[in-house]
Amino acid sequence: MATKIRLQRHGKKGYAFFHVVVADSRAKRDGKFIEKLGIYNPNTNPATIDINFDKTLEWVGIGAEMSDTARAILSYKGVLYKNHLDKGVKKGAFTAEEADKRFEAWVKEKEAKVEAKRSGLSTAVQKAEADRLKAEKAKNEERAAALAAAAAPVVEEVTEETPAAEEVVEATEEAPVAEETPAAEETPTAETAEEASAATDEENNEEKAAE
């Protein structure tokens, strides 16, 4: 019976996770399986992969086929590399101790990469949160300034008004009136001179009669 290591879907729509199983290659994807090897949850960052390393290595060692996704998962966890080292030991290319030493070095390097990724993600999350808080603070300050400006009393600009017509009249009346220049004495006319001359002659006649 041909066996295949593949993923079996679980979870709900929009949040699916998978079981890593060994099943008959002719069985349906979500049908019966021979053995469950672990789980794969792509909803976390990095993805959560928890498998039974020894059991999975055993199935790979006896020639179980793998789906593309299952192969990528087993390569990521080092199952395929350990299987390659075991084949080298069987062929006499190197000893088992050398194989274990190489695999331990690979595991340490892989763990360092994973830890660096997690640290980078954590830093990115912290930076994004700090930027969000900074933007929110600036927005709150801007809103508070707008509210303060709206609540401040409005100072009307006072413009100098042109004095009304009545005020202009009053000012004119209060102004000092210039003294009138006495009119020039009228020049005596000819008739007035004749009357004066007659009056003088009459006065002279009266004086002579009195003598």
N, C-alpha and C. Protein backbone atom coordinates (compact mmCIF):
# COMPACT_ATOMS: atom_id res chain seq x y z
N MET A 1 0.85 -1.20 0.00
CA MET A 1 0.00 0.00 0.00
C MET A 1 0.89 1.25 0.00
N ALA A 2 0.65 2.12 -0.96
CA ALA A 2 1.41 3.37 -1.05
C ALA A 2 0.90 4.34 0.01
N THR A 3 1.81 4.87 0.80
CA THR A 3 1.44 5.83 1.84
C THR A 3 1.95 7.22 1.45
N LYS A 4 1.25 8.21 2.03
CA LYS A 4 1.60 9.60 1.72
C LYS A 4 1.43 10.46 2.96
N ILE A 5 2.43 11.31 3.19
CA ILE A 5 2.34 12.29 4.28
C ILE A 5 1.74 13.57 3.70
N ARG A 6 0.65 14.00 4.28
CA ARG A 6 -0.05 15.17 3.75
C ARG A 6 -0.79 15.89 4.87
N LEU A 7 -1.44 16.95 4.49
CA LEU A 7 -2.17 17.77 5.47
C LEU A 7 -3.66 17.46 5.42
N GLN A 8 -4.26 17.46 6.57
CA GLN A 8 -5.70 17.27 6.70
C GLN A 8 -6.30 18.52 7.33
N ARG A 9 -7.23 19.14 6.62
CA ARG A 9 -7.76 20.45 7.03
C ARG A 9 -8.70 20.32 8.22
N HIS A 10 -8.57 21.29 9.16
CA HIS A 10 -9.48 21.41 10.31
C HIS A 10 -9.72 22.90 10.56
N GLY A 11 -10.52 23.20 11.56
CA GLY A 11 -10.81 24.59 11.88
C GLY A 11 -12.01 25.11 11.10
N LYS A 12 -12.19 26.43 11.15
CA LYS A 12 -13.34 27.05 10.50
C LYS A 12 -12.88 27.94 9.35
N LYS A 13 -13.84 28.44 8.60
CA LYS A 13 -13.54 29.28 7.45
C LYS A 13 -12.83 30.56 7.91
N GLY A 14 -11.73 30.86 7.26
CA GLY A 14 -10.95 32.04 7.62
C GLY A 14 -9.96 31.78 8.74
N TYR A 15 -10.02 30.60 9.38
CA TYR A 15 -9.07 30.28 10.45
C TYR A 15 -8.84 28.76 10.42
N ALA A 16 -8.24 28.30 9.34
CA ALA A 16 -8.00 26.87 9.17
C ALA A 16 -6.64 26.48 9.73
N PHE A 17 -6.56 25.31 10.34
CA PHE A 17 -5.27 24.73 10.70
C PHE A 17 -5.29 23.28 10.21
N PHE A 18 -4.14 22.63 10.27
CA PHE A 18 -4.02 21.34 9.60
C PHE A 18 -3.34 20.31 10.50
N HIS A 19 -3.75 19.07 10.31
CA HIS A 19 -3.07 17.93 10.92
C HIS A 19 -2.14 17.33 9.88
N VAL A 20 -0.94 17.00 10.31
CA VAL A 20 0.00 16.30 9.44
C VAL A 20 -0.22 14.81 9.68
N VAL A 21 -0.66 14.12 8.63
CA VAL A 21 -1.04 12.72 8.80
C VAL A 21 -0.37 11.85 7.75
N VAL A 22 -0.32 10.56 8.06
CA VAL A 22 0.09 9.55 7.07
C VAL A 22 -1.17 8.81 6.66
N ALA A 23 -1.45 8.80 5.38
CA ALA A 23 -2.68 8.17 4.90
C ALA A 23 -2.40 7.39 3.63
N ASP A 24 -3.37 6.56 3.26
CA ASP A 24 -3.29 5.85 1.99
C ASP A 24 -3.34 6.91 0.89
N SER A 25 -2.47 6.81 -0.07
CA SER A 25 -2.40 7.82 -1.13
C SER A 25 -3.68 7.88 -1.95
N ARG A 26 -4.52 6.79 -1.87
CA ARG A 26 -5.77 6.78 -2.63
C ARG A 26 -6.95 7.33 -1.82
N ALA A 27 -6.72 7.60 -0.53
CA ALA A 27 -7.81 8.10 0.33
C ALA A 27 -8.07 9.58 0.05
N LYS A 28 -9.29 10.01 0.42
CA LYS A 28 -9.64 11.43 0.26
C LYS A 28 -8.78 12.28 1.20
N ARG A 29 -8.71 13.54 0.86
CA ARG A 29 -7.83 14.44 1.64
C ARG A 29 -8.21 14.46 3.11
N ASP A 30 -9.50 14.61 3.39
CA ASP A 30 -9.96 14.70 4.78
C ASP A 30 -10.60 13.39 5.24
N GLY A 31 -10.25 12.29 4.58
CA GLY A 31 -10.80 10.99 4.96
C GLY A 31 -9.99 10.30 6.04
N LYS A 32 -10.05 8.97 6.02
CA LYS A 32 -9.34 8.19 7.03
C LYS A 32 -7.83 8.30 6.83
N PHE A 33 -7.11 8.21 7.94
CA PHE A 33 -5.66 8.26 7.88
C PHE A 33 -5.09 7.14 8.74
N ILE A 34 -3.82 6.84 8.52
CA ILE A 34 -3.15 5.76 9.24
C ILE A 34 -2.63 6.24 10.59
N GLU A 35 -1.96 7.39 10.58
CA GLU A 35 -1.37 7.91 11.82
C GLU A 35 -1.25 9.44 11.72
N LYS A 36 -1.49 10.08 12.85
CA LYS A 36 -1.31 11.53 12.94
C LYS A 36 0.12 11.81 13.43
N LEU A 37 0.83 12.67 12.67
CA LEU A 37 2.22 12.97 12.99
C LEU A 37 2.39 14.31 13.71
N GLY A 38 1.44 15.23 13.56
CA GLY A 38 1.58 16.53 14.21
C GLY A 38 0.55 17.52 13.68
N ILE A 39 0.79 18.79 13.97
CA ILE A 39 -0.12 19.85 13.54
C ILE A 39 0.67 20.98 12.87
N TYR A 40 -0.04 21.71 12.02
CA TYR A 40 0.54 22.87 11.35
C TYR A 40 -0.50 23.99 11.39
N ASN A 41 -0.13 25.10 12.04
CA ASN A 41 -1.04 26.25 12.16
C ASN A 41 -0.41 27.47 11.50
N PRO A 42 -0.89 27.83 10.29
CA PRO A 42 -0.31 28.98 9.59
C PRO A 42 -0.85 30.32 10.06
N ASN A 43 -1.74 30.34 11.04
CA ASN A 43 -2.36 31.60 11.48
C ASN A 43 -1.46 32.40 12.42
N THR A 44 -0.41 31.78 12.92
CA THR A 44 0.53 32.49 13.80
C THR A 44 1.73 32.96 12.97
N ASN A 45 2.52 33.84 13.54
CA ASN A 45 3.70 34.35 12.85
C ASN A 45 4.90 34.33 13.80
N PRO A 46 5.90 33.45 13.59
CA PRO A 46 5.93 32.45 12.51
C PRO A 46 4.93 31.33 12.72
N ALA A 47 4.71 30.54 11.69
CA ALA A 47 3.72 29.46 11.76
C ALA A 47 4.10 28.45 12.83
N THR A 48 3.09 27.88 13.47
CA THR A 48 3.30 26.88 14.52
C THR A 48 3.36 25.49 13.89
N ILE A 49 4.47 24.79 14.10
CA ILE A 49 4.65 23.43 13.58
C ILE A 49 5.08 22.54 14.74
N ASP A 50 4.27 21.56 15.04
CA ASP A 50 4.57 20.63 16.14
C ASP A 50 4.36 19.21 15.61
N ILE A 51 5.46 18.50 15.43
CA ILE A 51 5.37 17.15 14.89
C ILE A 51 6.16 16.17 15.76
N ASN A 52 5.82 14.92 15.62
CA ASN A 52 6.57 13.85 16.27
C ASN A 52 7.76 13.54 15.35
N PHE A 53 8.94 14.05 15.75
CA PHE A 53 10.09 13.99 14.86
C PHE A 53 10.48 12.55 14.54
N ASP A 54 10.58 11.70 15.55
CA ASP A 54 11.06 10.33 15.33
C ASP A 54 10.08 9.52 14.46
N LYS A 55 8.79 9.65 14.72
CA LYS A 55 7.79 8.92 13.94
C LYS A 55 7.80 9.39 12.48
N THR A 56 7.91 10.72 12.31
CA THR A 56 7.92 11.27 10.96
C THR A 56 9.17 10.79 10.22
N LEU A 57 10.33 10.78 10.90
CA LEU A 57 11.57 10.31 10.29
C LEU A 57 11.46 8.84 9.90
N GLU A 58 10.78 8.08 10.71
CA GLU A 58 10.59 6.65 10.42
C GLU A 58 9.78 6.45 9.14
N TRP A 59 8.69 7.21 8.98
CA TRP A 59 7.86 7.09 7.79
C TRP A 59 8.61 7.57 6.55
N VAL A 60 9.38 8.65 6.69
CA VAL A 60 10.18 9.12 5.55
C VAL A 60 11.25 8.09 5.19
N GLY A 61 11.82 7.45 6.22
CA GLY A 61 12.88 6.46 5.98
C GLY A 61 12.40 5.25 5.22
N ILE A 62 11.12 4.88 5.37
CA ILE A 62 10.62 3.70 4.67
C ILE A 62 9.99 4.06 3.32
N GLY A 63 10.15 5.34 2.94
CA GLY A 63 9.76 5.71 1.58
C GLY A 63 8.38 6.29 1.42
N ALA A 64 7.79 6.87 2.48
CA ALA A 64 6.46 7.48 2.35
C ALA A 64 6.57 8.71 1.45
N GLU A 65 5.59 8.84 0.57
CA GLU A 65 5.56 10.03 -0.30
C GLU A 65 5.12 11.24 0.52
N MET A 66 5.32 12.42 -0.08
CA MET A 66 4.96 13.66 0.62
C MET A 66 4.30 14.63 -0.35
N SER A 67 3.29 15.34 0.14
CA SER A 67 2.74 16.44 -0.65
C SER A 67 3.75 17.59 -0.62
N ASP A 68 3.57 18.56 -1.51
CA ASP A 68 4.51 19.67 -1.58
C ASP A 68 4.58 20.43 -0.26
N THR A 69 3.41 20.70 0.33
CA THR A 69 3.40 21.45 1.59
C THR A 69 4.01 20.64 2.71
N ALA A 70 3.69 19.34 2.75
CA ALA A 70 4.26 18.47 3.78
C ALA A 70 5.77 18.40 3.64
N ARG A 71 6.28 18.33 2.40
CA ARG A 71 7.72 18.28 2.19
C ARG A 71 8.39 19.56 2.71
N ALA A 72 7.76 20.73 2.46
CA ALA A 72 8.32 22.00 2.94
C ALA A 72 8.34 22.04 4.46
N ILE A 73 7.30 21.51 5.09
CA ILE A 73 7.23 21.50 6.55
C ILE A 73 8.31 20.59 7.14
N LEU A 74 8.48 19.40 6.56
CA LEU A 74 9.47 18.45 7.08
C LEU A 74 10.90 18.95 6.84
N SER A 75 11.09 19.66 5.74
CA SER A 75 12.41 20.24 5.49
C SER A 75 12.70 21.33 6.51
N TYR A 76 11.69 22.13 6.81
CA TYR A 76 11.84 23.22 7.78
C TYR A 76 12.19 22.66 9.17
N LYS A 77 11.60 21.55 9.53
CA LYS A 77 11.85 20.94 10.85
C LYS A 77 13.10 20.07 10.87
N GLY A 78 13.76 19.87 9.73
CA GLY A 78 15.01 19.12 9.70
C GLY A 78 14.84 17.63 9.52
N VAL A 79 13.63 17.16 9.28
CA VAL A 79 13.42 15.72 9.12
C VAL A 79 14.13 15.21 7.87
N LEU A 80 14.03 15.97 6.77
CA LEU A 80 14.64 15.52 5.52
C LEU A 80 16.17 15.55 5.62
N TYR A 81 16.71 16.54 6.32
CA TYR A 81 18.16 16.62 6.48
C TYR A 81 18.67 15.46 7.35
N LYS A 82 17.93 15.12 8.39
CA LYS A 82 18.33 13.99 9.26
C LYS A 82 18.24 12.68 8.49
N ASN A 83 17.23 12.55 7.65
CA ASN A 83 17.11 11.33 6.83
C ASN A 83 18.28 11.21 5.86
N HIS A 84 18.71 12.36 5.33
CA HIS A 84 19.87 12.37 4.42
C HIS A 84 21.15 11.95 5.16
N LEU A 85 21.33 12.45 6.39
CA LEU A 85 22.51 12.06 7.18
C LEU A 85 22.49 10.58 7.52
N ASP A 86 21.31 10.07 7.84
CA ASP A 86 21.19 8.64 8.18
C ASP A 86 21.56 7.76 6.97
N LYS A 87 21.17 8.19 5.80
CA LYS A 87 21.54 7.44 4.59
C LYS A 87 23.05 7.48 4.39
N GLY A 88 23.67 8.63 4.70
CA GLY A 88 25.13 8.73 4.57
C GLY A 88 25.83 7.79 5.54
N VAL A 89 25.27 7.65 6.75
CA VAL A 89 25.87 6.74 7.73
C VAL A 89 25.77 5.30 7.23
N LYS A 90 24.59 4.94 6.66
CA LYS A 90 24.39 3.57 6.16
C LYS A 90 25.35 3.25 5.02
N LYS A 91 25.64 4.28 4.21
CA LYS A 91 26.56 4.08 3.08
C LYS A 91 28.02 4.12 3.53
N GLY A 92 28.28 4.52 4.79
CA GLY A 92 29.64 4.58 5.30
C GLY A 92 30.37 5.85 4.93
N ALA A 93 29.63 6.89 4.52
CA ALA A 93 30.27 8.15 4.16
C ALA A 93 30.85 8.84 5.38
N PHE A 94 30.21 8.69 6.52
CA PHE A 94 30.70 9.25 7.79
C PHE A 94 30.05 8.48 8.92
N THR A 95 30.56 8.69 10.11
CA THR A 95 30.07 7.95 11.27
C THR A 95 28.78 8.56 11.80
N ALA A 96 28.12 7.83 12.68
CA ALA A 96 26.90 8.31 13.30
C ALA A 96 27.17 9.53 14.18
N GLU A 97 28.37 9.52 14.84
CA GLU A 97 28.71 10.66 15.68
C GLU A 97 28.86 11.93 14.84
N GLU A 98 29.49 11.79 13.66
CA GLU A 98 29.64 12.93 12.77
C GLU A 98 28.28 13.40 12.26
N ALA A 99 27.39 12.47 12.00
CA ALA A 99 26.04 12.83 11.55
C ALA A 99 25.30 13.60 12.64
N ASP A 100 25.40 13.13 13.88
CA ASP A 100 24.73 13.82 14.98
C ASP A 100 25.32 15.22 15.18
N LYS A 101 26.65 15.33 15.04
CA LYS A 101 27.30 16.62 15.21
C LYS A 101 26.82 17.62 14.15
N ARG A 102 26.75 17.15 12.91
CA ARG A 102 26.27 18.02 11.83
C ARG A 102 24.81 18.44 12.06
N PHE A 103 24.04 17.50 12.50
CA PHE A 103 22.61 17.82 12.70
C PHE A 103 22.42 18.81 13.85
N GLU A 104 23.19 18.65 14.92
CA GLU A 104 23.10 19.60 16.04
C GLU A 104 23.50 21.01 15.60
N ALA A 105 24.54 21.11 14.77
CA ALA A 105 24.96 22.42 14.27
C ALA A 105 23.84 23.04 13.41
N TRP A 106 23.20 22.20 12.61
CA TRP A 106 22.09 22.70 11.77
C TRP A 106 20.93 23.18 12.63
N VAL A 107 20.61 22.44 13.68
CA VAL A 107 19.51 22.81 14.57
C VAL A 107 19.79 24.14 15.26
N LYS A 108 21.02 24.31 15.73
CA LYS A 108 21.37 25.57 16.40
C LYS A 108 21.25 26.76 15.44
N GLU A 109 21.74 26.56 14.23
CA GLU A 109 21.65 27.63 13.24
C GLU A 109 20.19 27.95 12.91
N LYS A 110 19.39 26.91 12.80
CA LYS A 110 17.97 27.11 12.49
C LYS A 110 17.26 27.83 13.63
N GLU A 111 17.54 27.44 14.85
CA GLU A 111 16.93 28.09 15.99
C GLU A 111 17.32 29.57 16.09
N ALA A 112 18.59 29.86 15.74
CA ALA A 112 19.04 31.25 15.77
C ALA A 112 18.28 32.08 14.74
N LYS A 113 18.05 31.52 13.56
CA LYS A 113 17.30 32.22 12.53
C LYS A 113 15.85 32.47 12.96
N VAL A 114 15.26 31.44 13.55
CA VAL A 114 13.87 31.57 14.00
C VAL A 114 13.76 32.62 15.11
N GLU A 115 14.72 32.59 16.03
CA GLU A 115 14.70 33.56 17.12
C GLU A 115 14.91 34.99 16.60
N ALA A 116 15.79 35.13 15.60
CA ALA A 116 16.01 36.46 15.02
C ALA A 116 14.74 36.96 14.35
N LYS A 117 14.03 36.06 13.69
CA LYS A 117 12.77 36.45 13.05
C LYS A 117 11.75 36.87 14.09
N ARG A 118 11.63 36.12 15.15
CA ARG A 118 10.68 36.47 16.21
C ARG A 118 11.04 37.82 16.84
N SER A 119 12.34 38.03 17.07
CA SER A 119 12.78 39.29 17.65
C SER A 119 12.46 40.46 16.72
N GLY A 120 12.71 40.23 15.41
CA GLY A 120 12.40 41.29 14.44
C GLY A 120 10.92 41.59 14.39
N LEU A 121 10.11 40.54 14.47
CA LEU A 121 8.66 40.74 14.46
C LEU A 121 8.22 41.48 15.70
N SER A 122 8.80 41.13 16.85
CA SER A 122 8.45 41.80 18.10
C SER A 122 8.82 43.28 18.05
N THR A 123 10.00 43.57 17.51
CA THR A 123 10.43 44.97 17.38
C THR A 123 9.51 45.74 16.44
N ALA A 124 9.14 45.08 15.35
CA ALA A 124 8.25 45.73 14.38
C ALA A 124 6.89 46.02 15.00
N VAL A 125 6.40 45.07 15.81
CA VAL A 125 5.11 45.26 16.47
C VAL A 125 5.18 46.41 17.47
N GLN A 126 6.27 46.45 18.24
CA GLN A 126 6.45 47.53 19.21
C GLN A 126 6.55 48.89 18.52
N LYS A 127 7.28 48.94 17.41
CA LYS A 127 7.42 50.20 16.66
C LYS A 127 6.07 50.64 16.10
N ALA A 128 5.33 49.67 15.56
CA ALA A 128 4.01 50.02 15.01
C ALA A 128 3.08 50.53 16.10
N GLU A 129 3.16 49.92 17.28
CA GLU A 129 2.32 50.36 18.40
C GLU A 129 2.73 51.75 18.86
N ALA A 130 4.06 52.00 18.92
CA ALA A 130 4.53 53.33 19.32
C ALA A 130 4.11 54.39 18.32
N ASP A 131 4.20 54.06 17.03
CA ASP A 131 3.77 55.01 16.00
C ASP A 131 2.27 55.29 16.09
N ARG A 132 1.51 54.25 16.39
CA ARG A 132 0.06 54.41 16.51
C ARG A 132 -0.29 55.32 17.69
N LEU A 133 0.39 55.09 18.82
CA LEU A 133 0.14 55.93 20.00
C LEU A 133 0.55 57.38 19.74
N LYS A 134 1.67 57.57 19.03
CA LYS A 134 2.13 58.92 18.72
C LYS A 134 1.13 59.65 17.83
N ALA A 135 0.63 58.94 16.81
CA ALA A 135 -0.35 59.55 15.91
C ALA A 135 -1.65 59.85 16.65
N GLU A 136 -2.05 58.95 17.54
CA GLU A 136 -3.27 59.17 18.30
C GLU A 136 -3.12 60.36 19.25
N LYS A 137 -1.93 60.50 19.86
CA LYS A 137 -1.68 61.63 20.75
C LYS A 137 -1.73 62.95 19.99
N ALA A 138 -1.09 62.97 18.80
CA ALA A 138 -1.11 64.19 17.98
C ALA A 138 -2.53 64.55 17.57
N LYS A 139 -3.31 63.54 17.26
CA LYS A 139 -4.70 63.79 16.85
C LYS A 139 -5.51 64.34 18.02
N ASN A 140 -5.28 63.79 19.21
CA ASN A 140 -5.99 64.28 20.40
C ASN A 140 -5.60 65.72 20.72
N GLU A 141 -4.31 66.03 20.60
CA GLU A 141 -3.87 67.41 20.85
C GLU A 141 -4.48 68.37 19.84
N GLU A 142 -4.54 67.95 18.59
CA GLU A 142 -5.14 68.80 17.56
C GLU A 142 -6.63 69.02 17.84
N ARG A 143 -7.30 67.96 18.27
CA ARG A 143 -8.72 68.08 18.58
C ARG A 143 -8.94 68.99 19.79
N ALA A 144 -8.07 68.86 20.83
CA ALA A 144 -8.19 69.73 22.01
C ALA A 144 -7.96 71.19 21.66
N ALA A 145 -6.98 71.44 20.77
CA ALA A 145 -6.72 72.82 20.35
C ALA A 145 -7.92 73.40 19.60
N ALA A 146 -8.55 72.57 18.77
CA ALA A 146 -9.72 73.04 18.03
C ALA A 146 -10.87 73.35 18.97
N LEU A 147 -11.08 72.50 19.99
CA LEU A 147 -12.14 72.75 20.97
C LEU A 147 -11.86 74.01 21.78
N ALA A 148 -10.59 74.22 22.16
CA ALA A 148 -10.24 75.42 22.93
C ALA A 148 -10.46 76.68 22.09
N ALA A 149 -10.12 76.60 20.81
CA ALA A 149 -10.33 77.76 19.94
C ALA A 149 -11.81 78.05 19.77
N ALA A 150 -12.62 77.00 19.72
CA ALA A 150 -14.06 77.20 19.55
C ALA A 150 -14.69 77.78 20.82
N ALA A 151 -14.15 77.41 22.00
CA ALA A 151 -14.72 77.88 23.26
C ALA A 151 -14.22 79.27 23.65
N ALA A 152 -13.16 79.78 23.05
CA ALA A 152 -12.62 81.10 23.40
C ALA A 152 -13.59 82.20 22.99
N PRO A 153 -13.74 83.32 23.83
CA PRO A 153 -14.65 84.42 23.48
C PRO A 153 -14.18 85.13 22.23
N VAL A 154 -15.16 85.53 21.43
CA VAL A 154 -14.85 86.20 20.18
C VAL A 154 -14.68 87.68 20.43
N VAL A 155 -13.55 88.26 20.10
CA VAL A 155 -13.27 89.69 20.31
C VAL A 155 -13.60 90.41 19.01
N GLU A 156 -14.62 91.30 19.08
CA GLU A 156 -15.01 92.04 17.89
C GLU A 156 -14.06 93.20 17.66
N GLU A 157 -13.70 93.40 16.44
CA GLU A 157 -12.79 94.49 16.08
C GLU A 157 -13.56 95.80 16.05
N VAL A 158 -13.12 96.78 16.86
CA VAL A 158 -13.81 98.07 16.97
C VAL A 158 -13.23 99.01 15.92
N THR A 159 -14.08 99.49 15.07
CA THR A 159 -13.65 100.43 14.03
C THR A 159 -14.14 101.82 14.38
N GLU A 160 -13.34 102.86 14.09
CA GLU A 160 -13.69 104.24 14.40
C GLU A 160 -14.79 104.70 13.46
N GLU A 161 -15.91 105.11 14.06
CA GLU A 161 -17.06 105.52 13.26
C GLU A 161 -16.92 106.98 12.86
N THR A 162 -17.44 107.29 11.69
CA THR A 162 -17.45 108.68 11.21
C THR A 162 -18.49 109.46 11.98
N PRO A 163 -18.17 110.61 12.52
CA PRO A 163 -19.15 111.35 13.32
C PRO A 163 -20.40 111.66 12.51
N ALA A 164 -21.54 111.55 13.17
CA ALA A 164 -22.81 111.79 12.50
C ALA A 164 -22.95 113.26 12.13
N ALA A 165 -23.95 113.52 11.28
CA ALA A 165 -24.16 114.90 10.80
C ALA A 165 -24.49 115.83 11.95
N GLU A 166 -25.30 115.34 12.95
CA GLU A 166 -25.67 116.19 14.08
C GLU A 166 -24.44 116.62 14.87
N GLU A 167 -23.49 115.68 15.07
CA GLU A 167 -22.30 116.01 15.82
C GLU A 167 -21.49 117.08 15.08
N VAL A 168 -21.48 116.98 13.77
CA VAL A 168 -20.75 117.99 12.98
C VAL A 168 -21.39 119.35 13.15
N VAL A 169 -22.74 119.39 13.17
CA VAL A 169 -23.45 120.66 13.36
C VAL A 169 -23.15 121.26 14.72
N GLU A 170 -23.20 120.39 15.78
CA GLU A 170 -22.92 120.87 17.13
C GLU A 170 -21.51 121.43 17.21
N ALA A 171 -20.59 120.77 16.61
CA ALA A 171 -19.21 121.25 16.65
C ALA A 171 -19.10 122.60 15.95
N THR A 172 -19.90 122.78 14.89
CA THR A 172 -19.86 124.05 14.17
C THR A 172 -20.45 125.18 14.99
N GLU A 173 -21.57 124.86 15.73
CA GLU A 173 -22.20 125.88 16.57
C GLU A 173 -21.29 126.30 17.71
N GLU A 174 -20.55 125.36 18.27
CA GLU A 174 -19.69 125.67 19.40
C GLU A 174 -18.45 126.45 18.98
N ALA A 175 -18.14 126.50 17.72
CA ALA A 175 -16.94 127.19 17.26
C ALA A 175 -17.11 128.69 17.46
N PRO A 176 -16.09 129.47 17.87
CA PRO A 176 -16.20 130.93 18.11
C PRO A 176 -16.56 131.67 16.84
N VAL A 177 -17.51 132.61 17.01
CA VAL A 177 -17.97 133.41 15.87
C VAL A 177 -17.06 134.63 15.72
N ALA A 178 -16.61 134.85 14.54
CA ALA A 178 -15.71 136.00 14.32
C ALA A 178 -16.47 137.31 14.51
N GLU A 179 -15.79 138.36 15.16
CA GLU A 179 -16.43 139.66 15.40
C GLU A 179 -16.72 140.37 14.07
N GLU A 180 -17.92 141.03 14.06
CA GLU A 180 -18.31 141.71 12.83
C GLU A 180 -17.51 143.01 12.68
N THR A 181 -17.07 143.25 11.50
CA THR A 181 -16.33 144.50 11.19
C THR A 181 -17.33 145.63 11.04
N PRO A 182 -17.16 146.74 11.83
CA PRO A 182 -18.14 147.84 11.73
C PRO A 182 -18.21 148.36 10.32
N ALA A 183 -19.44 148.58 9.93
CA ALA A 183 -19.65 149.06 8.57
C ALA A 183 -19.08 150.48 8.41
N ALA A 184 -18.58 150.78 7.31
CA ALA A 184 -18.03 152.13 7.04
C ALA A 184 -19.15 153.17 7.06
N GLU A 185 -18.83 154.39 7.62
CA GLU A 185 -19.84 155.45 7.70
C GLU A 185 -20.26 155.86 6.30
N GLU A 186 -21.57 156.03 6.25
CA GLU A 186 -22.12 156.35 4.95
C GLU A 186 -21.65 157.73 4.51
N THR A 187 -21.30 157.83 3.29
CA THR A 187 -20.89 159.12 2.71
C THR A 187 -22.12 159.98 2.48
N PRO A 188 -22.17 161.25 3.03
CA PRO A 188 -23.36 162.11 2.88
C PRO A 188 -23.63 162.39 1.42
N THR A 189 -24.91 162.26 1.08
CA THR A 189 -25.32 162.52 -0.29
C THR A 189 -25.54 164.01 -0.49
N ALA A 190 -25.92 164.43 -1.71
CA ALA A 190 -26.13 165.86 -2.05
C ALA A 190 -27.33 166.43 -1.32
N GLU A 191 -28.39 165.59 -1.19
CA GLU A 191 -29.58 166.07 -0.50
C GLU A 191 -29.29 166.36 0.95
N THR A 192 -28.54 165.53 1.56
CA THR A 192 -28.21 165.73 2.98
C THR A 192 -27.38 166.99 3.16
N ALA A 193 -26.51 167.28 2.25
CA ALA A 193 -25.69 168.51 2.33
C ALA A 193 -26.54 169.75 2.20
N GLU A 194 -27.57 169.74 1.29
CA GLU A 194 -28.45 170.90 1.12
C GLU A 194 -29.24 171.13 2.39
N GLU A 195 -29.74 169.97 3.02
CA GLU A 195 -30.53 170.11 4.24
C GLU A 195 -29.66 170.73 5.34
N ALA A 196 -28.41 170.30 5.43
CA ALA A 196 -27.51 170.84 6.46
C ALA A 196 -27.23 172.31 6.23
N SER A 197 -27.09 172.70 4.97
CA SER A 197 -26.82 174.11 4.67
C SER A 197 -28.02 174.99 5.00
N ALA A 198 -29.24 174.51 4.73
CA ALA A 198 -30.46 175.26 5.04
C ALA A 198 -30.61 175.44 6.52
N ALA A 199 -30.27 174.36 7.27
CA ALA A 199 -30.39 174.46 8.73
C ALA A 199 -29.40 175.48 9.27
N THR A 200 -28.26 175.59 8.68
CA THR A 200 -27.27 176.56 9.15
C THR A 200 -27.74 177.97 8.86
N ASP A 201 -28.33 178.25 7.70
CA ASP A 201 -28.84 179.59 7.36
C ASP A 201 -29.97 179.99 8.28
N GLU A 202 -30.78 179.00 8.61
CA GLU A 202 -31.92 179.30 9.51
C GLU A 202 -31.39 179.69 10.87
N GLU A 203 -30.38 179.02 11.37
CA GLU A 203 -29.81 179.34 12.68
C GLU A 203 -29.21 180.76 12.66
N ASN A 204 -28.59 181.14 11.56
CA ASN A 204 -28.00 182.48 11.48
C ASN A 204 -29.05 183.56 11.50
N ASN A 205 -30.19 183.39 10.81
CA ASN A 205 -31.27 184.36 10.77
C ASN A 205 -31.84 184.54 12.16
N GLU A 206 -31.97 183.46 12.90
CA GLU A 206 -32.54 183.51 14.23
C GLU A 206 -31.61 184.35 15.14
N GLU A 207 -30.32 184.21 15.00
CA GLU A 207 -29.38 184.95 15.83
C GLU A 207 -29.44 186.44 15.54
N LYS A 208 -29.61 186.80 14.24
CA LYS A 208 -29.70 188.21 13.90
C LYS A 208 -30.97 188.83 14.42
N ALA A 209 -32.08 188.16 14.39
CA ALA A 209 -33.33 188.67 14.92
C ALA A 209 -33.24 188.89 16.40
N ALA A 210 -32.55 188.06 17.07
CA ALA A 210 -32.42 188.18 18.53
C ALA A 210 -31.61 189.42 18.85
N GLU A 211 -30.70 189.86 18.10
CA GLU A 211 -29.92 191.03 18.38
C GLU A 211 -30.80 192.28 18.20
